Amino acid sequence: MTLAPFHLAFPVDDLESTRRFYCDKLGCAPGRSSDTWFDFSLYGHQMSAHLRTADDRPASSGAVDGKDVPIPHFGVVLPMEDWKALAARLEATDGIEWIHRPMIRFEGQPGEQATLFIRDPSGNALEFKGFTSLDAVFAQQE
């Protein structure tokens, strides 16, 4: 099965700091823009940052493998080598707001994965996952 790129529109507090974070720190390619939004490519997926106030967003969390994770959050599933390169890039970059630093989740179990959580300048939570085999993305516990 070939996966098509997804599209996600999400709220941000400041377009310029958001653009610097995604394009300069994460290395995303910019796309179209206006005074109230801009598009960019997050590993081939179309993301749209829209200017909104913090009052427009609920805050919550959930537990996954013994860790409290922010809900909502979004991110990308990467091959392990790409995840390691991103994790190293972020660890070496000043100004990253870490929620959870790079770690292995579900170690030794079906669906074992590397993960990290960060926040963008508007407080949106992002998770980046790494798998040694992308066939394991939907692996179920036995």
N, C-alpha and C. Protein backbone atom coordinates (compact mmCIF):
# COMPACT_ATOMS: atom_id res chain seq x y z
N MET A 1 0.84 -1.18 0.00
CA MET A 1 0.00 0.00 0.00
C MET A 1 0.89 1.25 0.00
N THR A 2 0.64 2.14 -0.90
CA THR A 2 1.36 3.40 -0.95
C THR A 2 0.59 4.43 -0.16
N LEU A 3 1.29 5.12 0.74
CA LEU A 3 0.64 6.14 1.54
C LEU A 3 0.68 7.47 0.82
N ALA A 4 -0.47 8.14 0.81
CA ALA A 4 -0.54 9.48 0.25
C ALA A 4 -0.20 10.50 1.32
N PRO A 5 0.32 11.65 0.95
CA PRO A 5 0.59 12.69 1.95
C PRO A 5 -0.71 13.12 2.62
N PHE A 6 -0.65 13.41 3.91
CA PHE A 6 -1.82 13.93 4.60
C PHE A 6 -1.72 15.44 4.68
N HIS A 7 -2.84 16.08 5.01
CA HIS A 7 -2.89 17.53 5.21
C HIS A 7 -3.39 17.78 6.63
N LEU A 8 -2.73 18.69 7.34
CA LEU A 8 -3.16 19.07 8.67
C LEU A 8 -3.04 20.57 8.83
N ALA A 9 -4.14 21.22 9.22
CA ALA A 9 -4.14 22.63 9.57
C ALA A 9 -4.15 22.71 11.09
N PHE A 10 -3.31 23.58 11.67
CA PHE A 10 -3.22 23.67 13.12
C PHE A 10 -3.00 25.12 13.54
N PRO A 11 -3.40 25.46 14.76
CA PRO A 11 -3.31 26.85 15.22
C PRO A 11 -1.93 27.21 15.74
N VAL A 12 -1.53 28.46 15.50
CA VAL A 12 -0.27 28.99 16.03
C VAL A 12 -0.50 30.40 16.55
N ASP A 13 0.38 30.83 17.47
CA ASP A 13 0.28 32.17 18.05
C ASP A 13 0.98 33.23 17.23
N ASP A 14 2.06 32.84 16.53
CA ASP A 14 2.89 33.80 15.81
C ASP A 14 3.43 33.11 14.56
N LEU A 15 3.14 33.66 13.39
CA LEU A 15 3.55 33.02 12.15
C LEU A 15 5.06 33.03 11.94
N GLU A 16 5.72 34.13 12.25
CA GLU A 16 7.16 34.21 11.97
C GLU A 16 7.98 33.27 12.85
N SER A 17 7.68 33.20 14.15
CA SER A 17 8.43 32.26 14.99
C SER A 17 8.11 30.82 14.59
N THR A 18 6.88 30.56 14.17
CA THR A 18 6.50 29.23 13.70
C THR A 18 7.26 28.88 12.43
N ARG A 19 7.34 29.82 11.50
CA ARG A 19 8.07 29.59 10.25
C ARG A 19 9.55 29.30 10.54
N ARG A 20 10.16 30.08 11.43
CA ARG A 20 11.57 29.85 11.78
C ARG A 20 11.76 28.46 12.40
N PHE A 21 10.85 28.07 13.30
CA PHE A 21 10.95 26.77 13.96
C PHE A 21 10.87 25.63 12.94
N TYR A 22 9.81 25.62 12.14
CA TYR A 22 9.61 24.50 11.22
C TYR A 22 10.61 24.51 10.06
N CYS A 23 10.89 25.67 9.50
CA CYS A 23 11.78 25.72 8.33
C CYS A 23 13.25 25.73 8.73
N ASP A 24 13.62 26.54 9.72
CA ASP A 24 15.04 26.63 10.08
C ASP A 24 15.49 25.52 11.02
N LYS A 25 14.72 25.23 12.06
CA LYS A 25 15.15 24.22 13.04
C LYS A 25 14.85 22.80 12.59
N LEU A 26 13.65 22.57 12.02
CA LEU A 26 13.31 21.21 11.58
C LEU A 26 13.68 20.95 10.12
N GLY A 27 13.97 21.99 9.37
CA GLY A 27 14.38 21.81 7.97
C GLY A 27 13.25 21.58 7.00
N CYS A 28 12.04 22.02 7.33
CA CYS A 28 10.88 21.86 6.44
C CYS A 28 10.94 22.86 5.29
N ALA A 29 10.46 22.44 4.13
CA ALA A 29 10.41 23.33 2.96
C ALA A 29 9.14 24.18 3.02
N PRO A 30 9.28 25.51 2.87
CA PRO A 30 8.09 26.37 2.90
C PRO A 30 7.28 26.25 1.62
N GLY A 31 5.98 26.57 1.75
CA GLY A 31 5.08 26.57 0.61
C GLY A 31 4.38 27.91 0.50
N ARG A 32 3.11 27.87 0.11
CA ARG A 32 2.33 29.10 -0.05
C ARG A 32 2.07 29.74 1.31
N SER A 33 1.73 31.06 1.29
CA SER A 33 1.45 31.74 2.56
C SER A 33 0.60 32.97 2.33
N SER A 34 0.06 33.49 3.44
CA SER A 34 -0.67 34.76 3.45
C SER A 34 -0.33 35.46 4.76
N ASP A 35 -1.08 36.48 5.11
CA ASP A 35 -0.85 37.18 6.37
C ASP A 35 -1.33 36.39 7.58
N THR A 36 -2.17 35.36 7.36
CA THR A 36 -2.76 34.63 8.48
C THR A 36 -2.44 33.14 8.48
N TRP A 37 -1.70 32.63 7.51
CA TRP A 37 -1.35 31.21 7.47
C TRP A 37 -0.14 31.00 6.57
N PHE A 38 0.50 29.84 6.72
CA PHE A 38 1.50 29.42 5.74
C PHE A 38 1.56 27.90 5.72
N ASP A 39 1.86 27.39 4.52
CA ASP A 39 2.01 25.95 4.30
C ASP A 39 3.48 25.58 4.30
N PHE A 40 3.76 24.34 4.69
CA PHE A 40 5.12 23.82 4.58
C PHE A 40 5.05 22.31 4.47
N SER A 41 6.14 21.72 4.01
CA SER A 41 6.24 20.27 3.85
C SER A 41 6.94 19.68 5.06
N LEU A 42 6.25 18.80 5.77
CA LEU A 42 6.83 18.05 6.88
C LEU A 42 7.01 16.62 6.39
N TYR A 43 8.21 16.31 5.90
CA TYR A 43 8.52 15.00 5.33
C TYR A 43 7.50 14.62 4.26
N GLY A 44 7.15 15.58 3.40
CA GLY A 44 6.25 15.33 2.28
C GLY A 44 4.78 15.49 2.60
N HIS A 45 4.44 15.85 3.81
CA HIS A 45 3.04 16.05 4.20
C HIS A 45 2.75 17.54 4.24
N GLN A 46 1.54 17.92 3.79
CA GLN A 46 1.17 19.33 3.72
C GLN A 46 0.63 19.81 5.06
N MET A 47 1.38 20.69 5.68
CA MET A 47 1.01 21.28 6.96
C MET A 47 0.61 22.73 6.73
N SER A 48 -0.41 23.21 7.44
CA SER A 48 -0.86 24.60 7.33
C SER A 48 -0.95 25.20 8.72
N ALA A 49 -0.08 26.15 9.00
CA ALA A 49 -0.07 26.86 10.28
C ALA A 49 -0.99 28.08 10.15
N HIS A 50 -2.02 28.13 11.00
CA HIS A 50 -3.01 29.22 10.96
C HIS A 50 -2.94 30.03 12.23
N LEU A 51 -2.90 31.35 12.08
CA LEU A 51 -2.83 32.25 13.22
C LEU A 51 -4.13 32.19 14.01
N ARG A 52 -4.02 31.80 15.31
CA ARG A 52 -5.16 31.70 16.22
C ARG A 52 -4.70 32.07 17.62
N THR A 53 -5.65 32.28 18.51
CA THR A 53 -5.30 32.57 19.91
C THR A 53 -5.24 31.28 20.71
N ALA A 54 -4.56 31.32 21.84
CA ALA A 54 -4.46 30.14 22.71
C ALA A 54 -5.83 29.72 23.23
N ASP A 55 -6.78 30.65 23.31
CA ASP A 55 -8.13 30.32 23.78
C ASP A 55 -8.86 29.35 22.86
N ASP A 56 -8.38 29.24 21.61
CA ASP A 56 -9.02 28.36 20.63
C ASP A 56 -8.61 26.91 20.77
N ARG A 57 -7.67 26.59 21.70
CA ARG A 57 -7.12 25.24 21.78
C ARG A 57 -7.28 24.64 23.16
N PRO A 58 -7.88 23.47 23.24
CA PRO A 58 -7.96 22.78 24.53
C PRO A 58 -6.62 22.12 24.87
N ALA A 59 -6.36 21.94 26.15
CA ALA A 59 -5.15 21.24 26.59
C ALA A 59 -5.55 19.99 27.35
N SER A 60 -4.88 18.88 27.07
CA SER A 60 -5.18 17.62 27.72
C SER A 60 -3.95 16.73 27.61
N SER A 61 -4.04 15.53 28.18
CA SER A 61 -2.94 14.57 28.05
C SER A 61 -3.49 13.16 28.20
N GLY A 62 -2.66 12.20 27.82
CA GLY A 62 -2.99 10.79 27.95
C GLY A 62 -1.73 10.02 28.29
N ALA A 63 -1.88 8.79 28.78
CA ALA A 63 -0.74 7.97 29.16
C ALA A 63 -0.45 6.94 28.07
N VAL A 64 0.82 6.84 27.68
CA VAL A 64 1.26 5.84 26.71
C VAL A 64 2.56 5.24 27.23
N ASP A 65 2.56 3.95 27.43
CA ASP A 65 3.75 3.22 27.88
C ASP A 65 4.39 3.88 29.11
N GLY A 66 3.54 4.29 30.05
CA GLY A 66 4.02 4.87 31.30
C GLY A 66 4.43 6.33 31.23
N LYS A 67 4.23 6.99 30.11
CA LYS A 67 4.59 8.40 29.95
C LYS A 67 3.33 9.22 29.70
N ASP A 68 3.29 10.42 30.29
CA ASP A 68 2.20 11.35 30.04
C ASP A 68 2.51 12.08 28.73
N VAL A 69 1.61 11.96 27.75
CA VAL A 69 1.82 12.60 26.46
C VAL A 69 0.71 13.61 26.20
N PRO A 70 1.05 14.72 25.53
CA PRO A 70 0.05 15.76 25.27
C PRO A 70 -0.95 15.32 24.21
N ILE A 71 -2.20 15.67 24.44
CA ILE A 71 -3.26 15.43 23.48
C ILE A 71 -3.94 16.78 23.24
N PRO A 72 -4.04 17.26 22.02
CA PRO A 72 -3.60 16.61 20.78
C PRO A 72 -2.11 16.80 20.54
N HIS A 73 -1.59 15.95 19.65
CA HIS A 73 -0.26 16.13 19.12
C HIS A 73 -0.24 15.56 17.71
N PHE A 74 0.77 15.93 16.94
CA PHE A 74 0.92 15.38 15.60
C PHE A 74 2.39 15.18 15.33
N GLY A 75 2.70 14.47 14.26
CA GLY A 75 4.09 14.23 13.94
C GLY A 75 4.23 13.33 12.74
N VAL A 76 5.39 12.70 12.64
CA VAL A 76 5.71 11.88 11.48
C VAL A 76 6.37 10.59 11.95
N VAL A 77 6.05 9.50 11.25
CA VAL A 77 6.71 8.21 11.45
C VAL A 77 7.85 8.14 10.43
N LEU A 78 9.05 7.88 10.91
CA LEU A 78 10.24 7.88 10.06
C LEU A 78 10.97 6.55 10.11
N PRO A 79 11.71 6.22 9.04
CA PRO A 79 12.65 5.11 9.15
C PRO A 79 13.66 5.45 10.25
N MET A 80 14.18 4.45 10.94
CA MET A 80 15.02 4.67 12.11
C MET A 80 16.22 5.57 11.83
N GLU A 81 16.88 5.40 10.71
CA GLU A 81 18.05 6.23 10.41
C GLU A 81 17.67 7.70 10.28
N ASP A 82 16.53 7.99 9.66
CA ASP A 82 16.06 9.38 9.55
C ASP A 82 15.68 9.92 10.92
N TRP A 83 15.06 9.08 11.76
CA TRP A 83 14.69 9.51 13.11
C TRP A 83 15.95 9.84 13.92
N LYS A 84 16.97 8.99 13.83
CA LYS A 84 18.21 9.24 14.56
C LYS A 84 18.85 10.56 14.12
N ALA A 85 18.82 10.84 12.81
CA ALA A 85 19.39 12.09 12.31
C ALA A 85 18.61 13.29 12.83
N LEU A 86 17.28 13.20 12.84
CA LEU A 86 16.46 14.29 13.38
C LEU A 86 16.70 14.46 14.87
N ALA A 87 16.73 13.37 15.62
CA ALA A 87 16.95 13.44 17.06
C ALA A 87 18.29 14.10 17.37
N ALA A 88 19.33 13.74 16.63
CA ALA A 88 20.65 14.34 16.84
C ALA A 88 20.63 15.82 16.49
N ARG A 89 19.93 16.17 15.41
CA ARG A 89 19.83 17.58 15.01
C ARG A 89 19.14 18.39 16.10
N LEU A 90 18.03 17.88 16.64
CA LEU A 90 17.30 18.60 17.68
C LEU A 90 18.09 18.69 18.98
N GLU A 91 18.78 17.62 19.36
CA GLU A 91 19.59 17.63 20.57
C GLU A 91 20.71 18.67 20.48
N ALA A 92 21.18 18.95 19.28
CA ALA A 92 22.27 19.90 19.08
C ALA A 92 21.77 21.33 18.84
N THR A 93 20.46 21.52 18.83
CA THR A 93 19.86 22.83 18.53
C THR A 93 19.39 23.52 19.80
N ASP A 94 19.79 24.76 19.96
CA ASP A 94 19.33 25.56 21.11
C ASP A 94 17.87 25.95 20.91
N GLY A 95 17.17 26.13 22.02
CA GLY A 95 15.81 26.66 21.97
C GLY A 95 14.73 25.63 21.69
N ILE A 96 15.05 24.35 21.75
CA ILE A 96 14.02 23.31 21.57
C ILE A 96 13.33 23.10 22.91
N GLU A 97 12.01 23.15 22.90
CA GLU A 97 11.24 22.88 24.11
C GLU A 97 10.88 21.39 24.13
N TRP A 98 11.59 20.64 24.95
CA TRP A 98 11.40 19.20 25.03
C TRP A 98 10.23 18.86 25.95
N ILE A 99 9.40 17.94 25.50
CA ILE A 99 8.39 17.31 26.36
C ILE A 99 8.96 15.98 26.84
N HIS A 100 9.44 15.18 25.89
CA HIS A 100 10.16 13.93 26.18
C HIS A 100 11.33 13.83 25.22
N ARG A 101 12.52 13.71 25.78
CA ARG A 101 13.73 13.56 24.96
C ARG A 101 13.71 12.18 24.27
N PRO A 102 14.58 11.99 23.28
CA PRO A 102 14.58 10.72 22.55
C PRO A 102 14.65 9.50 23.47
N MET A 103 13.81 8.51 23.17
CA MET A 103 13.72 7.28 23.97
C MET A 103 13.17 6.15 23.11
N ILE A 104 13.28 4.94 23.64
CA ILE A 104 12.67 3.76 23.00
C ILE A 104 11.43 3.40 23.79
N ARG A 105 10.34 3.18 23.07
CA ARG A 105 9.06 2.81 23.68
C ARG A 105 8.70 1.39 23.24
N PHE A 106 8.04 0.65 24.12
CA PHE A 106 7.61 -0.73 23.85
C PHE A 106 8.81 -1.62 23.50
N GLU A 107 9.91 -1.42 24.20
CA GLU A 107 11.15 -2.14 23.91
C GLU A 107 10.94 -3.65 23.99
N GLY A 108 11.40 -4.35 22.94
CA GLY A 108 11.29 -5.80 22.88
C GLY A 108 9.90 -6.32 22.58
N GLN A 109 8.96 -5.44 22.30
CA GLN A 109 7.57 -5.83 22.02
C GLN A 109 7.23 -5.52 20.57
N PRO A 110 6.13 -6.11 20.05
CA PRO A 110 5.68 -5.71 18.72
C PRO A 110 5.42 -4.20 18.72
N GLY A 111 5.85 -3.54 17.67
CA GLY A 111 5.66 -2.10 17.58
C GLY A 111 6.73 -1.29 18.29
N GLU A 112 7.85 -1.93 18.68
CA GLU A 112 8.94 -1.18 19.32
C GLU A 112 9.28 0.02 18.44
N GLN A 113 9.49 1.16 19.11
CA GLN A 113 9.72 2.40 18.37
C GLN A 113 10.57 3.37 19.17
N ALA A 114 11.27 4.21 18.45
CA ALA A 114 11.95 5.35 19.06
C ALA A 114 10.96 6.51 18.98
N THR A 115 11.00 7.39 19.98
CA THR A 115 10.09 8.53 19.96
C THR A 115 10.72 9.72 20.66
N LEU A 116 10.25 10.89 20.29
CA LEU A 116 10.60 12.13 20.99
C LEU A 116 9.42 13.08 20.84
N PHE A 117 9.24 13.93 21.85
CA PHE A 117 8.17 14.93 21.83
C PHE A 117 8.78 16.30 22.06
N ILE A 118 8.36 17.27 21.24
CA ILE A 118 8.77 18.66 21.39
C ILE A 118 7.56 19.57 21.22
N ARG A 119 7.72 20.84 21.57
CA ARG A 119 6.68 21.85 21.32
C ARG A 119 7.21 22.87 20.33
N ASP A 120 6.31 23.35 19.47
CA ASP A 120 6.67 24.45 18.58
C ASP A 120 6.49 25.77 19.35
N PRO A 121 6.83 26.91 18.76
CA PRO A 121 6.74 28.18 19.49
C PRO A 121 5.34 28.54 19.96
N SER A 122 4.30 27.95 19.39
CA SER A 122 2.92 28.23 19.81
C SER A 122 2.40 27.23 20.82
N GLY A 123 3.25 26.29 21.24
CA GLY A 123 2.85 25.30 22.23
C GLY A 123 2.26 24.03 21.66
N ASN A 124 2.18 23.90 20.33
CA ASN A 124 1.68 22.66 19.72
C ASN A 124 2.68 21.54 19.97
N ALA A 125 2.17 20.38 20.35
CA ALA A 125 3.02 19.23 20.63
C ALA A 125 3.23 18.41 19.37
N LEU A 126 4.49 18.01 19.14
CA LEU A 126 4.86 17.18 18.01
C LEU A 126 5.53 15.92 18.51
N GLU A 127 5.22 14.80 17.89
CA GLU A 127 5.90 13.54 18.18
C GLU A 127 6.52 13.03 16.90
N PHE A 128 7.78 12.64 16.97
CA PHE A 128 8.45 12.00 15.85
C PHE A 128 8.81 10.59 16.29
N LYS A 129 8.38 9.61 15.48
CA LYS A 129 8.62 8.20 15.78
C LYS A 129 9.60 7.61 14.78
N GLY A 130 10.41 6.66 15.23
CA GLY A 130 11.32 5.94 14.36
C GLY A 130 11.11 4.44 14.50
N PHE A 131 11.06 3.75 13.38
CA PHE A 131 10.90 2.29 13.35
C PHE A 131 12.01 1.68 12.53
N THR A 132 12.54 0.54 13.00
CA THR A 132 13.54 -0.16 12.20
C THR A 132 12.91 -0.76 10.95
N SER A 133 11.62 -1.09 11.02
CA SER A 133 10.86 -1.55 9.87
C SER A 133 9.49 -0.86 9.90
N LEU A 134 9.16 -0.17 8.83
CA LEU A 134 7.86 0.52 8.80
C LEU A 134 6.69 -0.47 8.78
N ASP A 135 6.99 -1.76 8.55
CA ASP A 135 5.94 -2.78 8.65
C ASP A 135 5.44 -2.92 10.08
N ALA A 136 6.21 -2.45 11.05
CA ALA A 136 5.84 -2.57 12.48
C ALA A 136 4.98 -1.42 12.98
N VAL A 137 4.69 -0.44 12.13
CA VAL A 137 3.93 0.73 12.58
C VAL A 137 2.59 0.34 13.20
N PHE A 138 1.92 -0.64 12.61
CA PHE A 138 0.60 -1.05 13.11
C PHE A 138 0.62 -2.41 13.81
N ALA A 139 1.81 -2.83 14.27
CA ALA A 139 1.93 -4.11 14.96
C ALA A 139 1.10 -4.10 16.23
N GLN A 140 0.44 -5.23 16.51
CA GLN A 140 -0.40 -5.34 17.69
C GLN A 140 0.27 -6.19 18.75
N GLN A 141 -0.03 -5.87 20.01
CA GLN A 141 0.46 -6.66 21.13
C GLN A 141 -0.20 -8.05 21.06
N GLU A 142 0.54 -9.04 21.46
CA GLU A 142 -0.01 -10.42 21.43
C GLU A 142 -0.72 -10.75 22.70
